[in-house]
PDB file of all heavy atoms in Angstrom:
ATOM      1  N   ARG A   1       0.820  -1.255  -0.036  1.00  0.00           N
ATOM      2  CA  ARG A   1       0.027   0.028  -0.007  1.00  0.00           C
ATOM      3  C   ARG A   1       0.830   1.276   0.019  1.00  0.00           C
ATOM      4  O   ARG A   1       0.395   2.314  -0.440  1.00  0.00           O
ATOM      5  CB  ARG A   1      -0.920  -0.009   1.213  1.00  0.00           C
ATOM      6  CG  ARG A   1      -1.967  -1.041   1.103  1.00  0.00           C
ATOM      7  CD  ARG A   1      -2.973  -1.124   2.247  1.00  0.00           C
ATOM      8  NE  ARG A   1      -2.388  -1.558   3.471  1.00  0.00           N
ATOM      9  CZ  ARG A   1      -2.263  -2.785   3.894  1.00  0.00           C
ATOM     10  NH1 ARG A   1      -2.701  -3.813   3.165  1.00  0.00           N
ATOM     11  NH2 ARG A   1      -1.667  -3.150   5.072  1.00  0.00           N
ATOM     12  N   THR A   2       2.035   1.180   0.519  1.00  0.00           N
ATOM     13  CA  THR A   2       2.982   2.372   0.499  1.00  0.00           C
ATOM     14  C   THR A   2       4.446   1.963   0.037  1.00  0.00           C
ATOM     15  O   THR A   2       5.386   2.209   0.813  1.00  0.00           O
ATOM     16  CB  THR A   2       2.975   3.109   1.894  1.00  0.00           C
ATOM     17  OG1 THR A   2       3.571   2.089   2.826  1.00  0.00           O
ATOM     18  CG2 THR A   2       1.696   3.532   2.340  1.00  0.00           C
ATOM     19  N   PRO A   3       4.486   1.278  -1.051  1.00  0.00           N
ATOM     20  CA  PRO A   3       5.839   0.798  -1.471  1.00  0.00           C
ATOM     21  C   PRO A   3       6.944   1.844  -1.703  1.00  0.00           C
ATOM     22  O   PRO A   3       8.026   1.628  -1.396  1.00  0.00           O
ATOM     23  CB  PRO A   3       5.524   0.088  -2.742  1.00  0.00           C
ATOM     24  CG  PRO A   3       4.279   0.572  -3.301  1.00  0.00           C
ATOM     25  CD  PRO A   3       3.488   1.027  -2.074  1.00  0.00           C
ATOM     26  N   GLU A   4       6.439   3.043  -2.192  1.00  0.00           N
ATOM     27  CA  GLU A   4       7.454   4.148  -2.416  1.00  0.00           C
ATOM     28  C   GLU A   4       7.994   4.673  -1.046  1.00  0.00           C
ATOM     29  O   GLU A   4       9.207   4.855  -0.871  1.00  0.00           O
ATOM     30  CB  GLU A   4       6.808   5.287  -3.119  1.00  0.00           C
ATOM     31  CG  GLU A   4       6.460   4.958  -4.575  1.00  0.00           C
ATOM     32  CD  GLU A   4       5.052   4.297  -4.705  1.00  0.00           C
ATOM     33  OE1 GLU A   4       4.298   4.359  -3.642  1.00  0.00           O
ATOM     34  OE2 GLU A   4       4.728   3.884  -5.777  1.00  0.00           O
ATOM     35  N   GLN A   5       7.115   4.791  -0.014  1.00  0.00           N
ATOM     36  CA  GLN A   5       7.537   5.222   1.243  1.00  0.00           C
ATOM     37  C   GLN A   5       8.503   4.212   1.908  1.00  0.00           C
ATOM     38  O   GLN A   5       9.501   4.523   2.435  1.00  0.00           O
ATOM     39  CB  GLN A   5       6.321   5.411   2.162  1.00  0.00           C
ATOM     40  CG  GLN A   5       6.730   5.786   3.595  1.00  0.00           C
ATOM     41  CD  GLN A   5       5.540   5.828   4.509  1.00  0.00           C
ATOM     42  OE1 GLN A   5       4.424   5.348   4.210  1.00  0.00           O
ATOM     43  NE2 GLN A   5       5.750   6.348   5.675  1.00  0.00           N
ATOM     44  N   ALA A   6       8.192   2.886   1.727  1.00  0.00           N
ATOM     45  CA  ALA A   6       9.042   1.888   2.232  1.00  0.00           C
ATOM     46  C   ALA A   6      10.434   1.828   1.642  1.00  0.00           C
ATOM     47  O   ALA A   6      11.514   1.757   2.274  1.00  0.00           O
ATOM     48  CB  ALA A   6       8.441   0.457   2.108  1.00  0.00           C
ATOM     49  N   ALA A   7      10.452   1.993   0.308  1.00  0.00           N
ATOM     50  CA  ALA A   7      11.680   2.052  -0.482  1.00  0.00           C
ATOM     51  C   ALA A   7      12.503   3.216  -0.097  1.00  0.00           C
ATOM     52  O   ALA A   7      13.809   3.157   0.113  1.00  0.00           O
ATOM     53  CB  ALA A   7      11.354   2.023  -2.013  1.00  0.00           C
ATOM     54  N   GLN A   8      11.889   4.461   0.087  1.00  0.00           N
ATOM     55  CA  GLN A   8      12.664   5.642   0.420  1.00  0.00           C
ATOM     56  C   GLN A   8      13.215   5.547   1.790  1.00  0.00           C
ATOM     57  O   GLN A   8      14.351   5.994   2.047  1.00  0.00           O
ATOM     58  CB  GLN A   8      11.726   6.805   0.259  1.00  0.00           C
ATOM     59  CG  GLN A   8      11.375   7.216  -1.163  1.00  0.00           C
ATOM     60  CD  GLN A   8      10.215   8.313  -1.211  1.00  0.00           C
ATOM     61  OE1 GLN A   8       9.678   8.686  -0.196  1.00  0.00           O
ATOM     62  NE2 GLN A   8       9.973   8.712  -2.488  1.00  0.00           N
ATOM     63  N   PHE A   9      12.415   5.063   2.736  1.00  0.00           N
ATOM     64  CA  PHE A   9      12.890   4.897   4.063  1.00  0.00           C
ATOM     65  C   PHE A   9      14.098   4.019   4.116  1.00  0.00           C
ATOM     66  O   PHE A   9      15.131   4.311   4.743  1.00  0.00           O
ATOM     67  CB  PHE A   9      11.832   4.292   5.047  1.00  0.00           C
ATOM     68  CG  PHE A   9      12.249   4.149   6.379  1.00  0.00           C
ATOM     69  CD1 PHE A   9      12.186   5.114   7.403  1.00  0.00           C
ATOM     70  CD2 PHE A   9      12.919   2.919   6.816  1.00  0.00           C
ATOM     71  CE1 PHE A   9      12.642   4.921   8.651  1.00  0.00           C
ATOM     72  CE2 PHE A   9      13.391   2.727   8.013  1.00  0.00           C
ATOM     73  CZ  PHE A   9      13.259   3.765   9.051  1.00  0.00           C
ATOM     74  N   SER A  10      14.053   2.859   3.444  1.00  0.00           N
ATOM     75  CA  SER A  10      15.100   1.906   3.498  1.00  0.00           C
ATOM     76  C   SER A  10      16.379   2.380   2.787  1.00  0.00           C
ATOM     77  O   SER A  10      17.482   2.243   3.233  1.00  0.00           O
ATOM     78  CB  SER A  10      14.599   0.554   2.754  1.00  0.00           C
ATOM     79  OG  SER A  10      15.621  -0.409   2.869  1.00  0.00           O
ATOM     80  N   ALA A  11      16.168   3.050   1.685  1.00  0.00           N
ATOM     81  CA  ALA A  11      17.315   3.700   0.919  1.00  0.00           C
ATOM     82  C   ALA A  11      18.132   4.673   1.719  1.00  0.00           C
ATOM     83  O   ALA A  11      19.281   4.742   1.577  1.00  0.00           O
ATOM     84  CB  ALA A  11      16.816   4.220  -0.388  1.00  0.00           C
ATOM     85  N   ALA A  12      17.395   5.402   2.540  1.00  0.00           N
ATOM     86  CA  ALA A  12      18.017   6.449   3.398  1.00  0.00           C
ATOM     87  C   ALA A  12      18.418   6.043   4.819  1.00  0.00           C
ATOM     88  O   ALA A  12      18.925   6.819   5.531  1.00  0.00           O
ATOM     89  CB  ALA A  12      17.108   7.668   3.403  1.00  0.00           C
ATOM     90  N   ALA A  13      18.078   4.771   5.088  1.00  0.00           N
ATOM     91  CA  ALA A  13      18.258   4.291   6.557  1.00  0.00           C
ATOM     92  C   ALA A  13      19.715   4.433   7.022  1.00  0.00           C
ATOM     93  O   ALA A  13      19.896   4.854   8.202  1.00  0.00           O
ATOM     94  CB  ALA A  13      17.726   2.802   6.649  1.00  0.00           C
ATOM     95  N   ARG A  14      20.623   4.056   6.247  1.00  0.00           N
ATOM     96  CA  ARG A  14      22.025   4.098   6.754  1.00  0.00           C
ATOM     97  C   ARG A  14      22.388   5.600   7.006  1.00  0.00           C
ATOM     98  O   ARG A  14      22.960   5.835   8.039  1.00  0.00           O
ATOM     99  CB  ARG A  14      23.034   3.470   5.691  1.00  0.00           C
ATOM    100  CG  ARG A  14      24.462   3.500   6.155  1.00  0.00           C
ATOM    101  CD  ARG A  14      25.381   2.920   5.121  1.00  0.00           C
ATOM    102  NE  ARG A  14      25.042   1.563   4.807  1.00  0.00           N
ATOM    103  CZ  ARG A  14      25.580   0.536   5.353  1.00  0.00           C
ATOM    104  NH1 ARG A  14      26.354   0.608   6.463  1.00  0.00           N
ATOM    105  NH2 ARG A  14      25.212  -0.744   4.990  1.00  0.00           N
ATOM    106  N   GLU A  15      22.134   6.467   6.089  1.00  0.00           N
ATOM    107  CA  GLU A  15      22.523   7.940   6.339  1.00  0.00           C
ATOM    108  C   GLU A  15      21.660   8.516   7.407  1.00  0.00           C
ATOM    109  O   GLU A  15      22.123   9.584   8.016  1.00  0.00           O
ATOM    110  CB  GLU A  15      22.459   8.710   4.983  1.00  0.00           C
ATOM    111  CG  GLU A  15      20.988   8.883   4.572  1.00  0.00           C
ATOM    112  CD  GLU A  15      20.915   9.558   3.228  1.00  0.00           C
ATOM    113  OE1 GLU A  15      21.617   9.104   2.291  1.00  0.00           O
ATOM    114  OE2 GLU A  15      20.150  10.510   3.040  1.00  0.00           O
ATOM    115  N   ASN A  16      20.591   7.870   7.780  1.00  0.00           N
ATOM    116  CA  ASN A  16      19.776   8.374   8.920  1.00  0.00           C
ATOM    117  C   ASN A  16      20.089   7.737  10.230  1.00  0.00           C
ATOM    118  O   ASN A  16      19.351   7.906  11.192  1.00  0.00           O
ATOM    119  CB  ASN A  16      18.265   8.196   8.563  1.00  0.00           C
ATOM    120  CG  ASN A  16      17.855   9.242   7.545  1.00  0.00           C
ATOM    121  OD1 ASN A  16      18.340  10.356   7.533  1.00  0.00           O
ATOM    122  ND2 ASN A  16      16.906   8.836   6.704  1.00  0.00           N
ATOM    123  N   GLY A  17      21.261   7.033  10.276  1.00  0.00           N
ATOM    124  CA  GLY A  17      21.733   6.520  11.568  1.00  0.00           C
ATOM    125  C   GLY A  17      21.313   5.142  11.996  1.00  0.00           C
ATOM    126  O   GLY A  17      21.554   4.708  13.115  1.00  0.00           O
ATOM    127  N   PHE A  18      20.697   4.464  11.066  1.00  0.00           N
ATOM    128  CA  PHE A  18      20.192   3.034  11.381  1.00  0.00           C
ATOM    129  C   PHE A  18      21.348   2.089  11.139  1.00  0.00           C
ATOM    130  O   PHE A  18      22.147   2.272  10.239  1.00  0.00           O
ATOM    131  CB  PHE A  18      18.998   2.656  10.669  1.00  0.00           C
ATOM    132  CG  PHE A  18      17.749   3.470  11.016  1.00  0.00           C
ATOM    133  CD1 PHE A  18      17.416   4.696  10.322  1.00  0.00           C
ATOM    134  CD2 PHE A  18      17.000   3.190  12.195  1.00  0.00           C
ATOM    135  CE1 PHE A  18      16.301   5.432  10.662  1.00  0.00           C
ATOM    136  CE2 PHE A  18      15.929   3.876  12.484  1.00  0.00           C
ATOM    137  CZ  PHE A  18      15.608   4.970  11.855  1.00  0.00           C
ATOM    138  N   GLY A  19      21.361   1.004  11.989  1.00  0.00           N
ATOM    139  CA  GLY A  19      22.392   0.026  11.692  1.00  0.00           C
ATOM    140  C   GLY A  19      21.668  -1.371  11.302  1.00  0.00           C
ATOM    141  O   GLY A  19      22.292  -2.192  10.629  1.00  0.00           O
ATOM    142  N   VAL A  20      20.439  -1.481  11.603  1.00  0.00           N
ATOM    143  CA  VAL A  20      19.617  -2.695  11.346  1.00  0.00           C
ATOM    144  C   VAL A  20      18.197  -2.396  11.109  1.00  0.00           C
ATOM    145  O   VAL A  20      17.713  -1.372  11.775  1.00  0.00           O
ATOM    146  CB  VAL A  20      19.705  -3.837  12.505  1.00  0.00           C
ATOM    147  CG1 VAL A  20      18.985  -5.061  12.120  1.00  0.00           C
ATOM    148  CG2 VAL A  20      21.168  -4.178  12.765  1.00  0.00           C
ATOM    149  N   ILE A  21      17.547  -3.034  10.271  1.00  0.00           N
ATOM    150  CA  ILE A  21      16.049  -2.864  10.104  1.00  0.00           C
ATOM    151  C   ILE A  21      15.368  -4.185  10.420  1.00  0.00           C
ATOM    152  O   ILE A  21      15.803  -5.264   9.932  1.00  0.00           O
ATOM    153  CB  ILE A  21      15.686  -2.456   8.644  1.00  0.00           C
ATOM    154  CG1 ILE A  21      16.381  -1.099   8.236  1.00  0.00           C
ATOM    155  CG2 ILE A  21      14.173  -2.426   8.451  1.00  0.00           C
ATOM    156  CD1 ILE A  21      16.243  -0.791   6.838  1.00  0.00           C
ATOM    157  N   ILE A  22      14.379  -4.042  11.339  1.00  0.00           N
ATOM    158  CA  ILE A  22      13.517  -5.257  11.564  1.00  0.00           C
ATOM    159  C   ILE A  22      12.108  -4.977  10.935  1.00  0.00           C
ATOM    160  O   ILE A  22      11.601  -3.936  11.052  1.00  0.00           O
ATOM    161  CB  ILE A  22      13.297  -5.431  13.110  1.00  0.00           C
ATOM    162  CG1 ILE A  22      14.613  -5.727  13.757  1.00  0.00           C
ATOM    163  CG2 ILE A  22      12.246  -6.579  13.397  1.00  0.00           C
ATOM    164  CD1 ILE A  22      14.552  -5.742  15.368  1.00  0.00           C
ATOM    165  N   ALA A  23      11.665  -6.003  10.165  1.00  0.00           N
ATOM    166  CA  ALA A  23      10.419  -5.815   9.388  1.00  0.00           C
ATOM    167  C   ALA A  23       9.485  -6.956   9.792  1.00  0.00           C
ATOM    168  O   ALA A  23       9.805  -8.089   9.694  1.00  0.00           O
ATOM    169  CB  ALA A  23      10.678  -5.851   7.887  1.00  0.00           C
ATOM    170  N   ALA A  24       8.281  -6.600  10.273  1.00  0.00           N
ATOM    171  CA  ALA A  24       7.254  -7.586  10.725  1.00  0.00           C
ATOM    172  C   ALA A  24       6.087  -7.408   9.787  1.00  0.00           C
ATOM    173  O   ALA A  24       5.586  -6.305   9.523  1.00  0.00           O
ATOM    174  CB  ALA A  24       6.822  -7.338  12.156  1.00  0.00           C
ATOM    175  N   ALA A  25       5.615  -8.560   9.192  1.00  0.00           N
ATOM    176  CA  ALA A  25       4.486  -8.589   8.322  1.00  0.00           C
ATOM    177  C   ALA A  25       3.912  -9.911   8.307  1.00  0.00           C
ATOM    178  O   ALA A  25       4.605 -10.950   8.436  1.00  0.00           O
ATOM    179  CB  ALA A  25       4.893  -8.120   6.935  1.00  0.00           C
ATOM    180  N   GLY A  26       2.612  -9.980   8.106  1.00  0.00           N
ATOM    181  CA  GLY A  26       1.871 -11.205   7.973  1.00  0.00           C
ATOM    182  C   GLY A  26       1.370 -11.417   6.514  1.00  0.00           C
ATOM    183  O   GLY A  26       1.642 -10.646   5.617  1.00  0.00           O
ATOM    184  N   LYS A  27       0.701 -12.581   6.325  1.00  0.00           N
ATOM    185  CA  LYS A  27       0.107 -12.904   5.055  1.00  0.00           C
ATOM    186  C   LYS A  27       1.234 -12.979   3.942  1.00  0.00           C
ATOM    187  O   LYS A  27       2.163 -13.704   4.056  1.00  0.00           O
ATOM    188  CB  LYS A  27      -1.135 -12.128   4.731  1.00  0.00           C
ATOM    189  CG  LYS A  27      -2.154 -12.223   5.721  1.00  0.00           C
ATOM    190  CD  LYS A  27      -3.403 -11.441   5.343  1.00  0.00           C
ATOM    191  CE  LYS A  27      -4.508 -11.561   6.376  1.00  0.00           C
ATOM    192  NZ  LYS A  27      -5.677 -10.910   6.024  1.00  0.00           N
ATOM    193  N   ALA A  28       1.050 -12.110   2.866  1.00  0.00           N
ATOM    194  CA  ALA A  28       2.038 -12.217   1.857  1.00  0.00           C
ATOM    195  C   ALA A  28       3.454 -11.745   2.306  1.00  0.00           C
ATOM    196  O   ALA A  28       4.449 -12.208   1.682  1.00  0.00           O
ATOM    197  CB  ALA A  28       1.578 -11.291   0.713  1.00  0.00           C
ATOM    198  N   ALA A  29       3.537 -10.967   3.315  1.00  0.00           N
ATOM    199  CA  ALA A  29       4.760 -10.590   4.033  1.00  0.00           C
ATOM    200  C   ALA A  29       6.008 -10.277   3.165  1.00  0.00           C
ATOM    201  O   ALA A  29       7.133 -10.681   3.254  1.00  0.00           O
ATOM    202  CB  ALA A  29       5.196 -11.800   4.955  1.00  0.00           C
ATOM    203  N   HIS A  30       5.749  -9.329   2.203  1.00  0.00           N
ATOM    204  CA  HIS A  30       6.836  -8.850   1.353  1.00  0.00           C
ATOM    205  C   HIS A  30       7.652  -7.625   1.935  1.00  0.00           C
ATOM    206  O   HIS A  30       8.569  -7.233   1.317  1.00  0.00           O
ATOM    207  CB  HIS A  30       6.263  -8.534  -0.065  1.00  0.00           C
ATOM    208  CG  HIS A  30       5.638  -9.650  -0.759  1.00  0.00           C
ATOM    209  ND1 HIS A  30       4.345  -9.640  -1.183  1.00  0.00           N
ATOM    210  CD2 HIS A  30       6.178 -10.841  -1.153  1.00  0.00           C
ATOM    211  CE1 HIS A  30       4.077 -10.753  -1.765  1.00  0.00           C
ATOM    212  NE2 HIS A  30       5.185 -11.554  -1.730  1.00  0.00           N
ATOM    213  N   LEU A  31       7.266  -7.205   3.062  1.00  0.00           N
ATOM    214  CA  LEU A  31       7.801  -5.996   3.613  1.00  0.00           C
ATOM    215  C   LEU A  31       9.330  -6.138   3.817  1.00  0.00           C
ATOM    216  O   LEU A  31      10.149  -5.305   3.348  1.00  0.00           O
ATOM    217  CB  LEU A  31       7.223  -5.556   4.914  1.00  0.00           C
ATOM    218  CG  LEU A  31       7.642  -4.293   5.553  1.00  0.00           C
ATOM    219  CD1 LEU A  31       7.557  -3.111   4.593  1.00  0.00           C
ATOM    220  CD2 LEU A  31       6.983  -4.040   6.862  1.00  0.00           C
ATOM    221  N   ALA A  32       9.857  -7.137   4.427  1.00  0.00           N
ATOM    222  CA  ALA A  32      11.281  -7.407   4.703  1.00  0.00           C
ATOM    223  C   ALA A  32      12.049  -7.322   3.267  1.00  0.00           C
ATOM    224  O   ALA A  32      13.102  -6.738   3.232  1.00  0.00           O
ATOM    225  CB  ALA A  32      11.592  -8.615   5.423  1.00  0.00           C
ATOM    226  N   GLY A  33      11.544  -8.073   2.426  1.00  0.00           N
ATOM    227  CA  GLY A  33      12.201  -8.066   1.004  1.00  0.00           C
ATOM    228  C   GLY A  33      12.136  -6.811   0.316  1.00  0.00           C
ATOM    229  O   GLY A  33      13.230  -6.456  -0.275  1.00  0.00           O
ATOM    230  N   VAL A  34      11.164  -6.058   0.375  1.00  0.00           N
ATOM    231  CA  VAL A  34      11.103  -4.631  -0.229  1.00  0.00           C
ATOM    232  C   VAL A  34      12.128  -3.788   0.438  1.00  0.00           C
ATOM    233  O   VAL A  34      12.842  -3.052  -0.226  1.00  0.00           O
ATOM    234  CB  VAL A  34       9.700  -4.046  -0.189  1.00  0.00           C
ATOM    235  CG1 VAL A  34       9.703  -2.513  -0.476  1.00  0.00           C
ATOM    236  CG2 VAL A  34       8.719  -4.786  -1.088  1.00  0.00           C
ATOM    237  N   LEU A  35      12.186  -3.813   1.772  1.00  0.00           N
ATOM    238  CA  LEU A  35      13.133  -2.994   2.497  1.00  0.00           C
ATOM    239  C   LEU A  35      14.536  -3.439   2.153  1.00  0.00           C
ATOM    240  O   LEU A  35      15.449  -2.630   1.863  1.00  0.00           O
ATOM    241  CB  LEU A  35      12.928  -3.108   3.975  1.00  0.00           C
ATOM    242  CG  LEU A  35      11.630  -2.500   4.502  1.00  0.00           C
ATOM    243  CD1 LEU A  35      11.324  -2.800   5.978  1.00  0.00           C
ATOM    244  CD2 LEU A  35      11.542  -0.981   4.251  1.00  0.00           C
ATOM    245  N   ALA A  36      14.798  -4.748   2.113  1.00  0.00           N
ATOM    246  CA  ALA A  36      16.132  -5.311   1.803  1.00  0.00           C
ATOM    247  C   ALA A  36      16.599  -4.936   0.367  1.00  0.00           C
ATOM    248  O   ALA A  36      17.784  -4.747   0.138  1.00  0.00           O
ATOM    249  CB  ALA A  36      16.190  -6.797   1.956  1.00  0.00           C
ATOM    250  N   ALA A  37      15.623  -4.856  -0.502  1.00  0.00           N
ATOM    251  CA  ALA A  37      16.007  -4.548  -1.874  1.00  0.00           C
ATOM    252  C   ALA A  37      16.528  -3.098  -2.047  1.00  0.00           C
ATOM    253  O   ALA A  37      17.286  -2.835  -3.051  1.00  0.00           O
ATOM    254  CB  ALA A  37      14.783  -4.661  -2.810  1.00  0.00           C
ATOM    255  N   HIS A  38      16.274  -2.241  -1.085  1.00  0.00           N
ATOM    256  CA  HIS A  38      16.697  -0.922  -1.148  1.00  0.00           C
ATOM    257  C   HIS A  38      17.764  -0.411  -0.230  1.00  0.00           C
ATOM    258  O   HIS A  38      18.022   0.754  -0.013  1.00  0.00           O
ATOM    259  CB  HIS A  38      15.475   0.025  -1.083  1.00  0.00           C
ATOM    260  CG  HIS A  38      14.528  -0.146  -2.169  1.00  0.00           C
ATOM    261  ND1 HIS A  38      13.446  -1.030  -2.139  1.00  0.00           N
ATOM    262  CD2 HIS A  38      14.504   0.447  -3.393  1.00  0.00           C
ATOM    263  CE1 HIS A  38      12.805  -0.994  -3.293  1.00  0.00           C
ATOM    264  NE2 HIS A  38      13.384  -0.135  -4.004  1.00  0.00           N
ATOM    265  N   THR A  39      18.460  -1.425   0.462  1.00  0.00           N
ATOM    266  CA  THR A  39      19.482  -1.052   1.419  1.00  0.00           C
ATOM    267  C   THR A  39      20.537  -2.047   1.439  1.00  0.00           C
ATOM    268  O   THR A  39      20.374  -3.218   0.970  1.00  0.00           O
ATOM    269  CB  THR A  39      18.811  -0.847   2.847  1.00  0.00           C
ATOM    270  OG1 THR A  39      19.940  -0.295   3.672  1.00  0.00           O
ATOM    271  CG2 THR A  39      18.366  -2.200   3.406  1.00  0.00           C
ATOM    272  N   THR A  40      21.684  -1.690   2.045  1.00  0.00           N
ATOM    273  CA  THR A  40      22.731  -2.715   2.189  1.00  0.00           C
ATOM    274  C   THR A  40      22.861  -3.031   3.750  1.00  0.00           C
ATOM    275  O   THR A  40      23.670  -3.710   4.119  1.00  0.00           O
ATOM    276  CB  THR A  40      24.196  -2.179   1.749  1.00  0.00           C
ATOM    277  OG1 THR A  40      24.417  -0.931   2.370  1.00  0.00           O
ATOM    278  CG2 THR A  40      24.168  -2.000   0.224  1.00  0.00           C
ATOM    279  N   LEU A  41      21.953  -2.387   4.455  1.00  0.00           N
ATOM    280  CA  LEU A  41      21.849  -2.728   5.965  1.00  0.00           C
ATOM    281  C   LEU A  41      21.329  -4.230   6.147  1.00  0.00           C
ATOM    282  O   LEU A  41      20.494  -4.582   5.252  1.00  0.00           O
ATOM    283  CB  LEU A  41      20.976  -1.761   6.722  1.00  0.00           C
ATOM    284  CG  LEU A  41      21.510  -0.280   6.817  1.00  0.00           C
ATOM    285  CD1 LEU A  41      20.495   0.583   7.479  1.00  0.00           C
ATOM    286  CD2 LEU A  41      22.838  -0.240   7.593  1.00  0.00           C
ATOM    287  N   PRO A  42      21.581  -4.767   7.238  1.00  0.00           N
ATOM    288  CA  PRO A  42      20.988  -6.105   7.516  1.00  0.00           C
ATOM    289  C   PRO A  42      19.485  -5.907   7.768  1.00  0.00           C
ATOM    290  O   PRO A  42      19.079  -4.903   8.483  1.00  0.00           O
ATOM    291  CB  PRO A  42      21.639  -6.595   8.810  1.00  0.00           C
ATOM    292  CG  PRO A  42      22.794  -5.712   9.083  1.00  0.00           C
ATOM    293  CD  PRO A  42      22.604  -4.443   8.266  1.00  0.00           C
TER     294      PRO A  42
END
């Protein structure tokens, strides 16, 4: 429902001081993969 927002957040996560991203989702559960596709953070 908000793939652009998720991609932007993930792409900027390292420069915004994050070291790790935890993603929780049910059913189709593509959130972790979408976030991982846009970052080199774990």
